[in-house]
Amino acid sequence: MSKRAFITGITGQDGSYLTELLLSKGYEVHGLIRRSSSFNTGRIDHIYEDPHTPNPKLKLHYGDLTDGVNLTNLIREIEPHEVYNLGAQSHVAVSFTMPQYTGQVDAIGAVSLLESIRASGVNTRFYQASTSELYGSTPPPQNEESVFRPRSPYAAAKLMAYWCVVNYREGYGLHATNGILFNHESPRRGETFVTRKITRAVAKISQGSKEKLYLGNLDAVRDWGYAKEYVESMWLMLQQDNPDDYVVATGIGATVKDFCEVAFNRVGLNWQDHVEIDERYVRPTEVDALIGDPSKAHKKLGWKAATDWRGLAELMVDADVEMVKAKSR
């Protein structure tokens, strides 16, 4: 009998890559999707199976992290061996304008899922998608022992979720793990996130667009890795006999300006000719530098990033250039 996994946030960047990985390992994958009047499954359309297919390996269920009753019913029905909570309002800037909603989904939603597992009595392993934003103003490099100093409603909500995972692990004996993943990107990244915003603009400008790219803080330092590689660390965490918390990162930092330069260089352009600063994109409280120390993940999981931020910028530009070309054909 194949293992069953339940993924919230299955239609997102990480959810789609994780689904591909688990299907390749023979899992039966169940995903939580929100009801919408328009289709929002673009990232998983290539692996979607008609529910009328005999014994489909990918099954989608309507629900929401704010609906604890439905979550409990789904856990009881599916009886998953592994639960991956990737669902969230994950845009840091948006969390400043929607703090209450962010808290309901990212903090209370995680607690609802943990409580659903506890209440259902299903023996499963739980992964919580934590974030490097927890560290906020703590100087890099940051590891599992570094002090948490969140600087946004998003980070604060994720911090509550983090400690609730620890509490349910220690209080109820749940196999519950926090994956503190530093920034991870890909061609499937949402178009409002800074890396994808940059590579999409580069692609369009390289194909003749006269538009400008408007950005905020160019000096912010981030540790960017490739999301397709990072989802493997999630799976590895739940294969461990004992639950624990892990930092996942490349260990290499770069500024937004650095990322811009490499992205524009990929198509033979000078970034300074096309980028302008817009103060509207500067956050009320900035996080200056996030660079992870993934030593523990290397040692205990055997996981190590293969793609650095330069290679990531180039592969994202290449993918977006192909997309722009395809739309113009």
Protein backbone atom coordinates (compact mmCIF):
# COMPACT_ATOMS: atom_id res chain seq x y z
CA MET A 1 0.00 0.00 0.00
CA SER A 2 1.37 3.43 -0.97
CA LYS A 3 1.85 6.20 1.56
CA ARG A 4 -0.75 8.97 1.68
CA ALA A 5 0.18 12.63 2.05
CA PHE A 6 -2.08 15.61 2.70
CA ILE A 7 -0.82 19.00 1.48
CA THR A 8 -2.32 22.40 2.24
CA GLY A 9 -1.21 25.08 -0.20
CA ILE A 10 -0.90 22.44 -2.93
CA THR A 11 -1.57 24.97 -5.69
CA GLY A 12 1.36 27.16 -4.64
CA GLN A 13 4.98 27.07 -5.75
CA ASP A 14 6.16 24.68 -3.02
CA GLY A 15 2.99 22.62 -3.08
CA SER A 16 3.32 21.87 -6.78
CA TYR A 17 6.98 20.84 -6.54
CA LEU A 18 6.33 18.75 -3.42
CA THR A 19 3.42 17.00 -5.14
CA GLU A 20 5.65 16.09 -8.07
CA LEU A 21 8.28 14.73 -5.69
CA LEU A 22 5.84 12.64 -3.66
CA LEU A 23 4.12 11.24 -6.77
CA SER A 24 7.54 10.21 -8.11
CA LYS A 25 8.02 8.28 -4.85
CA GLY A 26 4.74 6.43 -5.25
CA TYR A 27 2.63 8.44 -2.79
CA GLU A 28 -1.09 9.01 -3.02
CA VAL A 29 -1.36 12.80 -2.64
CA HIS A 30 -4.36 14.69 -1.30
CA GLY A 31 -4.43 18.47 -1.60
CA LEU A 32 -6.51 21.21 0.00
CA ILE A 33 -7.80 23.89 -2.37
CA ARG A 34 -10.01 26.89 -1.72
CA ARG A 35 -13.27 27.23 -3.60
CA SER A 36 -13.06 29.95 -6.25
CA SER A 37 -15.19 31.05 -9.19
CA SER A 38 -12.07 30.87 -11.35
CA PHE A 39 -9.55 28.06 -11.69
CA ASN A 40 -6.46 28.48 -9.50
CA THR A 41 -4.73 25.17 -10.15
CA GLY A 42 -2.34 26.29 -12.90
CA ARG A 43 0.80 25.02 -11.17
CA ILE A 44 -0.54 21.48 -10.87
CA ASP A 45 -2.61 21.18 -14.06
CA HIS A 46 0.14 19.10 -15.68
CA ILE A 47 -0.18 16.41 -12.98
CA TYR A 48 -3.90 16.69 -12.28
CA GLU A 49 -5.91 13.49 -12.66
CA ASP A 50 -9.61 13.28 -13.48
CA PRO A 51 -11.36 12.09 -10.29
CA HIS A 52 -13.24 9.56 -12.44
CA THR A 53 -9.94 7.85 -13.25
CA PRO A 54 -9.69 4.52 -11.39
CA ASN A 55 -7.51 4.97 -8.27
CA PRO A 56 -6.15 8.46 -9.03
CA LYS A 57 -2.88 9.26 -7.27
CA LEU A 58 -3.72 12.97 -6.89
CA LYS A 59 -6.96 13.98 -5.21
CA LEU A 60 -8.12 17.52 -4.42
CA HIS A 61 -10.47 18.53 -1.62
CA TYR A 62 -12.22 21.86 -1.06
CA GLY A 63 -11.49 23.50 2.26
CA ASP A 64 -9.75 26.30 4.09
CA LEU A 65 -7.28 26.57 6.98
CA THR A 66 -9.80 28.71 8.85
CA ASP A 67 -12.36 25.86 8.89
CA GLY A 68 -11.21 23.49 11.62
CA VAL A 69 -14.25 21.20 11.40
CA ASN A 70 -13.62 20.47 7.73
CA LEU A 71 -9.92 19.90 8.41
CA THR A 72 -10.73 17.36 11.12
CA ASN A 73 -13.15 15.53 8.83
CA LEU A 74 -10.57 15.42 6.04
CA ILE A 75 -7.83 14.08 8.32
CA ARG A 76 -10.19 11.33 9.52
CA GLU A 77 -11.26 10.51 5.97
CA ILE A 78 -7.82 10.50 4.33
CA GLU A 79 -5.83 9.07 7.26
CA PRO A 80 -2.59 10.53 5.86
CA HIS A 81 0.81 9.20 6.84
CA GLU A 82 2.24 12.70 6.34
CA VAL A 83 0.72 16.19 6.53
CA TYR A 84 2.49 19.19 4.98
CA ASN A 85 1.11 22.59 5.98
CA LEU A 86 2.27 24.89 3.18
CA GLY A 87 -0.91 26.96 3.02
CA ALA A 88 -0.53 30.60 4.10
CA GLN A 89 -0.91 34.26 3.28
CA SER A 90 2.79 34.32 2.46
CA HIS A 91 3.42 37.80 1.11
CA VAL A 92 5.26 39.88 3.72
CA ALA A 93 4.27 43.27 2.31
CA VAL A 94 0.60 42.27 2.06
CA SER A 95 0.63 41.23 5.72
CA PHE A 96 1.01 44.89 6.70
CA THR A 97 -2.27 45.72 4.95
CA MET A 98 -4.04 42.49 5.94
CA PRO A 99 -2.62 41.67 9.40
CA GLN A 100 -5.79 40.17 10.85
CA TYR A 101 -6.37 37.85 7.90
CA THR A 102 -2.70 36.86 7.90
CA GLY A 103 -2.94 35.93 11.58
CA GLN A 104 -6.11 33.91 11.05
CA VAL A 105 -4.62 31.85 8.22
CA ASP A 106 -0.95 31.59 9.15
CA ALA A 107 -1.22 31.27 12.94
CA ILE A 108 -4.72 30.06 13.82
CA GLY A 109 -4.82 27.95 10.64
CA ALA A 110 -1.73 26.03 11.70
CA VAL A 111 -3.20 25.47 15.17
CA SER A 112 -6.47 24.26 13.61
CA LEU A 113 -4.58 21.68 11.58
CA LEU A 114 -2.54 20.52 14.58
CA GLU A 115 -5.70 20.23 16.66
CA SER A 116 -7.44 18.33 13.85
CA ILE A 117 -4.63 15.78 13.91
CA ARG A 118 -4.78 15.48 17.69
CA ALA A 119 -8.58 15.27 17.81
CA SER A 120 -8.84 12.73 14.98
CA GLY A 121 -6.37 10.36 16.60
CA VAL A 122 -4.76 9.66 13.23
CA ASN A 123 -1.11 8.64 13.55
CA THR A 124 0.65 10.99 11.15
CA ARG A 125 3.76 13.11 10.79
CA PHE A 126 3.34 16.88 10.49
CA TYR A 127 5.47 19.43 8.64
CA GLN A 128 5.02 23.15 9.26
CA ALA A 129 6.32 25.58 6.64
CA SER A 130 8.15 28.05 8.82
CA THR A 131 10.16 31.00 7.52
CA SER A 132 13.44 32.87 7.83
CA GLU A 133 11.37 36.00 8.46
CA LEU A 134 11.13 34.79 12.07
CA TYR A 135 14.66 36.08 12.61
CA GLY A 136 13.83 39.62 11.51
CA SER A 137 16.46 41.96 12.96
CA THR A 138 18.72 39.19 14.33
CA PRO A 139 22.12 39.51 12.57
CA PRO A 140 23.16 36.72 10.18
CA PRO A 141 24.10 33.96 9.88
CA GLN A 142 20.94 32.57 11.48
CA ASN A 143 20.57 28.97 12.65
CA GLU A 144 18.18 26.92 14.80
CA GLU A 145 19.51 28.55 17.98
CA SER A 146 19.30 32.17 16.79
CA VAL A 147 16.89 34.57 18.49
CA PHE A 148 13.54 35.21 16.78
CA ARG A 149 12.76 38.91 16.26
CA PRO A 150 9.87 39.14 13.76
CA ARG A 151 9.45 42.42 11.88
CA SER A 152 6.10 41.95 10.14
CA PRO A 153 2.59 40.64 10.86
CA TYR A 154 3.45 37.70 8.60
CA ALA A 155 6.53 36.80 10.66
CA ALA A 156 4.64 37.28 13.94
CA ALA A 157 1.87 34.94 12.79
CA LYS A 158 4.40 32.36 11.64
CA LEU A 159 6.14 32.62 15.02
CA MET A 160 2.94 31.62 16.80
CA ALA A 161 2.61 28.66 14.44
CA TYR A 162 6.25 27.69 15.09
CA TRP A 163 5.83 27.57 18.87
CA CYS A 164 2.51 25.74 18.63
CA VAL A 165 4.25 23.01 16.62
CA VAL A 166 6.83 22.74 19.41
CA ASN A 167 4.04 22.69 22.03
CA TYR A 168 2.07 19.94 20.28
CA ARG A 169 5.27 17.94 19.86
CA GLU A 170 6.20 18.22 23.51
CA GLY A 171 2.70 18.22 25.00
CA TYR A 172 0.93 15.60 22.90
CA GLY A 173 3.79 13.60 21.42
CA LEU A 174 2.99 14.54 17.82
CA HIS A 175 5.68 13.91 15.22
CA ALA A 176 5.66 17.63 14.35
CA THR A 177 8.53 19.45 12.65
CA ASN A 178 9.27 23.05 11.69
CA GLY A 179 11.14 23.63 8.44
CA ILE A 180 12.67 27.12 8.68
CA LEU A 181 13.17 27.65 4.97
CA PHE A 182 15.01 30.73 3.80
CA ASN A 183 13.87 32.45 0.60
CA HIS A 184 13.31 29.91 -2.14
CA GLU A 185 12.22 30.85 -5.63
CA SER A 186 11.53 29.35 -9.05
CA PRO A 187 9.77 30.04 -12.35
CA ARG A 188 6.57 29.11 -10.47
CA ARG A 189 7.01 31.91 -7.93
CA GLY A 190 4.10 34.33 -7.65
CA GLU A 191 4.51 37.36 -9.87
CA THR A 192 4.32 39.90 -7.02
CA PHE A 193 7.34 38.46 -5.17
CA VAL A 194 10.47 40.50 -5.83
CA THR A 195 12.56 37.84 -7.61
CA ARG A 196 9.80 36.90 -10.04
CA LYS A 197 8.85 40.55 -10.46
CA ILE A 198 12.43 41.17 -11.57
CA THR A 199 12.75 38.19 -13.93
CA ARG A 200 9.37 38.82 -15.59
CA ALA A 201 10.30 42.47 -16.20
CA VAL A 202 13.70 41.41 -17.58
CA ALA A 203 12.02 38.98 -19.96
CA LYS A 204 9.51 41.53 -21.24
CA ILE A 205 12.10 44.30 -21.61
CA SER A 206 14.45 41.95 -23.47
CA GLN A 207 11.64 41.28 -25.95
CA GLY A 208 11.00 44.95 -26.67
CA SER A 209 8.86 46.27 -23.83
CA LYS A 210 9.60 49.87 -22.82
CA GLU A 211 8.31 49.47 -19.26
CA LYS A 212 10.29 50.32 -16.14
CA LEU A 213 10.85 48.00 -13.17
CA TYR A 214 9.85 49.66 -9.88
CA LEU A 215 11.43 48.29 -6.70
CA GLY A 216 11.83 49.26 -3.04
CA ASN A 217 14.87 48.53 -0.88
CA LEU A 218 17.71 47.41 -3.18
CA ASP A 219 20.09 46.84 -0.27
CA ALA A 220 18.07 44.11 1.47
CA VAL A 221 20.15 40.91 1.69
CA ARG A 222 18.53 37.52 1.22
CA ASP A 223 19.65 33.89 0.98
CA TRP A 224 17.90 32.71 -2.19
CA GLY A 225 17.65 29.04 -3.16
CA TYR A 226 15.75 26.92 -5.67
CA ALA A 227 12.31 25.81 -4.45
CA LYS A 228 12.41 22.55 -6.41
CA GLU A 229 15.42 21.49 -4.32
CA TYR A 230 14.01 22.79 -1.04
CA VAL A 231 10.89 20.60 -1.09
CA GLU A 232 13.11 17.53 -0.84
CA SER A 233 14.25 18.77 2.57
CA MET A 234 10.60 18.84 3.70
CA TRP A 235 10.19 15.19 2.78
CA LEU A 236 13.49 14.25 4.41
CA MET A 237 12.42 15.88 7.69
CA LEU A 238 9.38 13.63 7.93
CA GLN A 239 11.46 10.52 7.26
CA GLN A 240 13.41 11.05 10.49
CA ASP A 241 12.56 8.87 13.49
CA ASN A 242 12.38 11.90 15.77
CA PRO A 243 10.78 15.26 14.95
CA ASP A 244 12.96 18.35 15.10
CA ASP A 245 13.37 21.85 13.63
CA TYR A 246 15.72 22.62 10.72
CA VAL A 247 17.08 25.66 8.90
CA VAL A 248 17.16 25.15 5.13
CA ALA A 249 19.28 27.61 3.15
CA THR A 250 22.22 27.98 0.77
CA GLY A 251 24.34 29.90 3.29
CA ILE A 252 25.06 32.59 0.67
CA GLY A 253 23.56 36.08 0.73
CA ALA A 254 22.99 38.64 -2.01
CA THR A 255 21.25 42.00 -2.25
CA VAL A 256 18.19 42.73 -4.36
CA LYS A 257 20.53 44.91 -6.44
CA ASP A 258 22.84 41.92 -6.99
CA PHE A 259 19.90 39.80 -8.15
CA CYS A 260 18.82 42.59 -10.53
CA GLU A 261 22.28 42.89 -12.02
CA VAL A 262 22.63 39.16 -12.73
CA ALA A 263 19.09 38.94 -14.12
CA PHE A 264 19.57 41.83 -16.56
CA ASN A 265 23.07 40.65 -17.49
CA ARG A 266 21.54 37.34 -18.55
CA VAL A 267 19.89 39.12 -21.50
CA GLY A 268 22.74 41.59 -22.11
CA LEU A 269 21.17 44.61 -20.44
CA ASN A 270 22.31 47.09 -17.78
CA TRP A 271 19.89 47.00 -14.85
CA GLN A 272 20.43 50.68 -14.04
CA ASP A 273 18.83 51.67 -17.35
CA HIS A 274 15.56 49.99 -16.43
CA VAL A 275 15.07 50.11 -12.64
CA GLU A 276 13.54 52.91 -10.59
CA ILE A 277 12.89 53.19 -6.85
CA ASP A 278 9.31 53.56 -5.60
CA GLU A 279 8.96 54.31 -1.89
CA ARG A 280 5.60 52.52 -1.86
CA TYR A 281 7.51 49.23 -1.95
CA VAL A 282 9.51 49.99 1.20
CA ARG A 283 8.06 48.17 4.23
CA PRO A 284 7.19 49.95 7.50
CA THR A 285 9.78 47.75 9.24
CA GLU A 286 12.56 46.34 7.09
CA VAL A 287 14.53 43.13 7.52
CA ASP A 288 18.07 44.00 6.51
CA ALA A 289 19.78 40.64 6.12
CA LEU A 290 18.75 36.96 6.20
CA ILE A 291 21.50 34.38 5.56
CA GLY A 292 20.95 30.87 6.85
CA ASP A 293 23.35 28.39 8.38
CA PRO A 294 22.13 24.99 7.07
CA SER A 295 24.76 22.91 8.89
CA LYS A 296 22.19 20.87 10.82
CA ALA A 297 20.25 19.98 7.66
CA HIS A 298 23.52 18.95 5.99
CA LYS A 299 24.51 16.75 8.90
CA LYS A 300 21.21 15.16 9.91
CA LEU A 301 19.24 15.12 6.65
CA GLY A 302 22.07 14.85 4.16
CA TRP A 303 20.50 17.78 2.29
CA LYS A 304 22.50 20.50 0.56
CA ALA A 305 21.49 23.19 -1.92
CA ALA A 306 22.83 22.64 -5.44
CA THR A 307 21.73 25.95 -6.99
CA ASP A 308 23.05 29.31 -5.75
CA TRP A 309 21.29 32.63 -6.21
CA ARG A 310 23.13 33.41 -9.45
CA GLY A 311 22.10 30.17 -11.09
CA LEU A 312 18.58 30.68 -9.75
CA ALA A 313 18.32 34.18 -11.26
CA GLU A 314 19.48 32.90 -14.63
CA LEU A 315 17.14 29.90 -14.78
CA MET A 316 14.20 32.11 -13.78
CA VAL A 317 15.06 34.66 -16.48
CA ASP A 318 15.39 31.91 -19.08
CA ALA A 319 11.98 30.49 -18.15
CA ASP A 320 10.29 33.90 -18.26
CA VAL A 321 11.88 34.78 -21.60
CA GLU A 322 10.47 31.54 -23.04
CA MET A 323 7.06 32.36 -21.57
CA VAL A 324 7.05 35.86 -23.10
CA LYS A 325 8.11 34.45 -26.48
CA ALA A 326 5.42 31.79 -26.35
CA LYS A 327 2.71 34.38 -25.68
CA SER A 328 3.85 36.50 -28.63
CA ARG A 329 3.73 33.63 -31.14
